[in-house]
Amino acid sequence: MANKPVRVLVVDDSAYIRKVVREMLERSPDIQVIGSARNGLEALELVEQLNPDVVTLDLIMPELDGVGFLRAQMPKQRIPVVVCSIASETGETAIQAIEAGALEFVQKPTALAIEQVYEITNNLIAKVKAAASVTPDKIPVPESIVPGERIPPRAAKGTVDAVLIGISTGGPQALRYMIPKFPKNF
C-alpha cells in the first residue's frame, strides 16, 4: 500500500503565489495541496477545518501576518510550518517565525523577479517533505522550554577556550532550549 500524500495548506496574500506554490508542490506525487489562505486569520480557521500535515507560510500579510499566525496556532496545536517568504532568512521577521515554531525557511524571489519563482521548486518540495516527517511533539515552541533544567556537568579532560555551534533554520529554537541547560560554569 502506498504512503498517503503530505497534505499541505498554502498561506500567502498573493493569489499568484498561492497558485504557483500549489503548482510547485503538486509536481511531487507525494504532496497534495488541500487548501489555501490569504492571511493568518484564514489560515487559523483552515488548519482547524482541514487538519493539514504541513503549512507553507508567507510572513508579510495583511490582517494577521505569518509570525502572528504561528504565535496563535502553536499553543493550540503544533503543526509543521515551512516559511516561504521574500523576507531574508536572517532577518528579524524570519528569526521571530523560527522562534515561534516554524521548522524550515525557503526564500522566494522578490516581486521584481517573479519569473524566477519556480527556481525554488525542488527546495520547497524537499523542505515540505522534511517538515512532514516531524511529529508535533518534536516541534519546539517557546512554551515547551523548561527553564532551569540543566545538562549535568562532566569531568573536563582538558581546557577549552571556545565552543562553536553552527545553526541553520530551526537553530535559534534549538539554542534557546540547549543553552540554558549548560552548567553555570560552562
Protein backbone atom coordinates (compact mmCIF):
# COMPACT_ATOMS: atom_id res chain seq x y z
CA MET A 1 0.00 0.00 0.00
CA ALA A 2 1.40 3.42 -0.97
CA ASN A 3 2.05 6.11 1.62
CA LYS A 4 -0.55 8.84 1.90
CA PRO A 5 0.49 12.14 0.33
CA VAL A 6 1.58 15.02 2.55
CA ARG A 7 -1.47 17.29 2.91
CA VAL A 8 -0.43 20.95 2.65
CA LEU A 9 -2.17 24.25 3.36
CA VAL A 10 -0.65 27.17 1.39
CA VAL A 11 -0.82 30.59 3.09
CA ASP A 12 0.12 33.71 1.10
CA ASP A 13 -1.62 37.03 0.46
CA SER A 14 -0.78 36.89 -3.26
CA ALA A 15 -3.24 34.87 -5.37
CA TYR A 16 -0.48 34.39 -7.96
CA ILE A 17 1.97 32.98 -5.38
CA ARG A 18 -0.72 30.69 -3.91
CA LYS A 19 -1.29 29.31 -7.42
CA VAL A 20 2.44 28.95 -8.14
CA VAL A 21 3.21 27.29 -4.78
CA ARG A 22 0.37 24.82 -5.41
CA GLU A 23 1.78 24.03 -8.87
CA MET A 24 5.31 23.60 -7.49
CA LEU A 25 4.24 21.32 -4.64
CA GLU A 26 1.94 19.21 -6.78
CA ARG A 27 4.87 18.37 -9.07
CA SER A 28 5.63 15.83 -6.36
CA PRO A 29 3.28 12.83 -6.31
CA ASP A 30 3.89 12.70 -2.54
CA ILE A 31 2.27 16.10 -1.88
CA GLN A 32 -1.36 17.20 -2.09
CA VAL A 33 -2.37 20.85 -1.59
CA ILE A 34 -5.68 20.71 0.30
CA GLY A 35 -6.36 24.42 0.62
CA SER A 36 -5.06 27.96 0.63
CA ALA A 37 -5.47 31.04 2.77
CA ARG A 38 -4.88 34.75 2.12
CA ASN A 39 -3.68 35.62 5.62
CA GLY A 40 -3.07 34.27 9.08
CA LEU A 41 -6.69 34.64 10.18
CA GLU A 42 -7.94 32.45 7.32
CA ALA A 43 -5.10 30.03 7.98
CA LEU A 44 -6.13 29.60 11.63
CA GLU A 45 -9.64 28.65 10.53
CA LEU A 46 -8.47 26.32 7.76
CA VAL A 47 -5.95 24.50 9.96
CA GLU A 48 -8.81 23.66 12.29
CA GLN A 49 -11.13 22.59 9.44
CA LEU A 50 -8.66 20.75 7.18
CA ASN A 51 -6.04 19.46 9.64
CA PRO A 52 -3.12 19.69 7.16
CA ASP A 53 0.15 17.82 7.67
CA VAL A 54 2.23 20.92 6.79
CA VAL A 55 1.58 24.64 6.29
CA THR A 56 3.61 26.80 3.89
CA LEU A 57 3.52 30.31 5.29
CA ASP A 58 4.27 33.76 3.96
CA LEU A 59 5.42 36.17 6.65
CA ILE A 60 4.28 39.51 5.28
CA MET A 61 0.46 39.52 5.03
CA PRO A 62 -2.40 41.85 5.98
CA GLU A 63 -4.71 41.34 8.98
CA LEU A 64 -2.59 38.63 10.64
CA ASP A 65 0.98 38.09 9.43
CA GLY A 66 2.95 34.85 9.50
CA VAL A 67 4.51 35.40 12.92
CA GLY A 68 1.09 36.27 14.35
CA PHE A 69 -0.32 33.05 12.87
CA LEU A 70 2.45 30.98 14.46
CA ARG A 71 2.01 32.64 17.86
CA ALA A 72 -1.74 31.97 17.75
CA GLN A 73 -1.57 28.45 16.27
CA MET A 74 1.28 26.72 18.08
CA PRO A 75 -0.14 26.90 21.62
CA LYS A 76 -3.41 25.38 20.32
CA GLN A 77 -1.99 22.72 18.01
CA ARG A 78 1.60 22.30 16.87
CA ILE A 79 1.87 21.83 13.15
CA PRO A 80 4.93 21.66 10.89
CA VAL A 81 5.38 25.02 9.14
CA VAL A 82 7.66 25.90 6.23
CA VAL A 83 8.06 29.64 5.82
CA CYS A 84 8.06 30.70 2.17
CA SER A 85 8.68 34.43 2.09
CA ILE A 86 10.58 37.23 0.38
CA ALA A 87 11.85 38.15 3.84
CA SER A 88 15.51 37.39 4.41
CA GLU A 89 16.20 34.13 6.26
CA THR A 90 18.48 36.07 8.59
CA GLY A 91 16.06 38.97 9.01
CA GLU A 92 14.26 39.77 12.23
CA THR A 93 10.85 38.57 11.00
CA ALA A 94 12.25 35.22 9.88
CA ILE A 95 14.02 34.73 13.20
CA GLN A 96 10.77 35.55 15.03
CA ALA A 97 8.97 32.93 12.90
CA ILE A 98 11.56 30.27 13.76
CA GLU A 99 11.34 31.23 17.44
CA ALA A 100 7.55 30.91 17.24
CA GLY A 101 7.77 27.35 15.90
CA ALA A 102 8.43 27.38 12.13
CA LEU A 103 10.69 24.48 11.12
CA GLU A 104 12.05 25.48 7.72
CA PHE A 105 12.57 28.57 5.58
CA VAL A 106 12.53 28.98 1.80
CA GLN A 107 13.22 32.44 0.41
CA LYS A 108 11.06 33.21 -2.59
CA PRO A 109 12.18 35.73 -5.21
CA THR A 110 11.02 39.31 -4.83
CA ALA A 111 8.11 40.66 -6.86
CA LEU A 112 10.67 42.06 -9.31
CA ALA A 113 11.98 38.55 -10.04
CA ILE A 114 8.63 36.79 -10.26
CA GLU A 115 9.64 34.74 -13.31
CA GLN A 116 12.32 33.10 -11.13
CA VAL A 117 9.81 31.91 -8.52
CA TYR A 118 9.76 28.37 -9.97
CA GLU A 119 13.51 28.06 -9.23
CA ILE A 120 12.68 27.25 -5.59
CA THR A 121 10.53 24.22 -6.53
CA ASN A 122 12.93 21.43 -5.52
CA ASN A 123 13.98 23.19 -2.32
CA LEU A 124 10.37 23.82 -1.33
CA ILE A 125 9.31 20.22 -2.02
CA ALA A 126 12.26 18.86 -0.03
CA LYS A 127 11.57 21.12 2.94
CA VAL A 128 7.84 20.34 2.97
CA LYS A 129 8.61 16.60 2.96
CA ALA A 130 11.19 17.06 5.72
CA ALA A 131 8.75 19.10 7.81
CA ALA A 132 6.07 16.44 7.35
CA SER A 133 8.35 13.88 8.98
CA VAL A 134 8.49 15.90 12.22
CA THR A 135 5.95 14.79 14.80
CA PRO A 136 4.05 17.63 16.51
CA ASP A 137 5.56 16.84 19.92
CA LYS A 138 9.03 17.46 18.44
CA ILE A 139 8.17 20.96 17.19
CA PRO A 140 9.93 23.34 19.56
CA VAL A 141 7.84 26.31 20.62
CA PRO A 142 8.74 28.75 23.39
CA GLU A 143 6.08 27.34 25.74
CA SER A 144 7.74 23.91 25.57
CA ILE A 145 11.04 25.09 27.04
CA VAL A 146 11.57 24.08 30.64
CA PRO A 147 13.72 26.73 32.35
CA GLY A 148 16.17 25.52 34.93
CA GLU A 149 16.61 22.01 33.52
CA ARG A 150 20.36 21.60 33.18
CA ILE A 151 22.82 19.36 31.39
CA PRO A 152 24.84 17.59 34.09
CA PRO A 153 28.48 18.71 34.19
CA ARG A 154 31.14 16.25 33.03
CA ALA A 155 34.71 15.98 34.17
CA ALA A 156 36.83 18.01 31.79
CA LYS A 157 39.78 16.27 30.14
CA GLY A 158 41.45 19.47 29.08
CA THR A 159 41.00 23.18 28.76
CA VAL A 160 38.65 24.53 26.12
CA ASP A 161 38.98 28.13 25.03
CA ALA A 162 35.90 28.27 22.85
CA VAL A 163 32.94 26.22 21.73
CA LEU A 164 31.40 26.91 18.34
CA ILE A 165 27.88 25.84 17.48
CA GLY A 166 26.70 26.09 13.89
CA ILE A 167 22.99 26.55 13.25
CA SER A 168 20.64 26.90 10.34
CA THR A 169 16.87 27.01 10.09
CA GLY A 170 15.47 25.80 13.38
CA GLY A 171 18.75 26.57 15.11
CA PRO A 172 17.55 29.52 17.21
CA GLN A 173 14.92 27.31 18.82
CA ALA A 174 17.43 24.55 19.47
CA LEU A 175 19.88 27.02 21.03
CA ARG A 176 17.12 28.53 23.13
CA TYR A 177 16.44 25.07 24.51
CA MET A 178 20.03 23.89 24.80
CA ILE A 179 21.99 26.85 26.19
CA PRO A 180 20.03 27.18 29.47
CA LYS A 181 20.91 23.53 30.15
CA PHE A 182 24.66 24.24 30.21
CA PRO A 183 26.22 24.32 33.69
CA LYS A 184 26.70 27.83 35.09
CA ASN A 185 30.49 27.49 34.94
CA PHE A 186 30.49 26.37 31.29
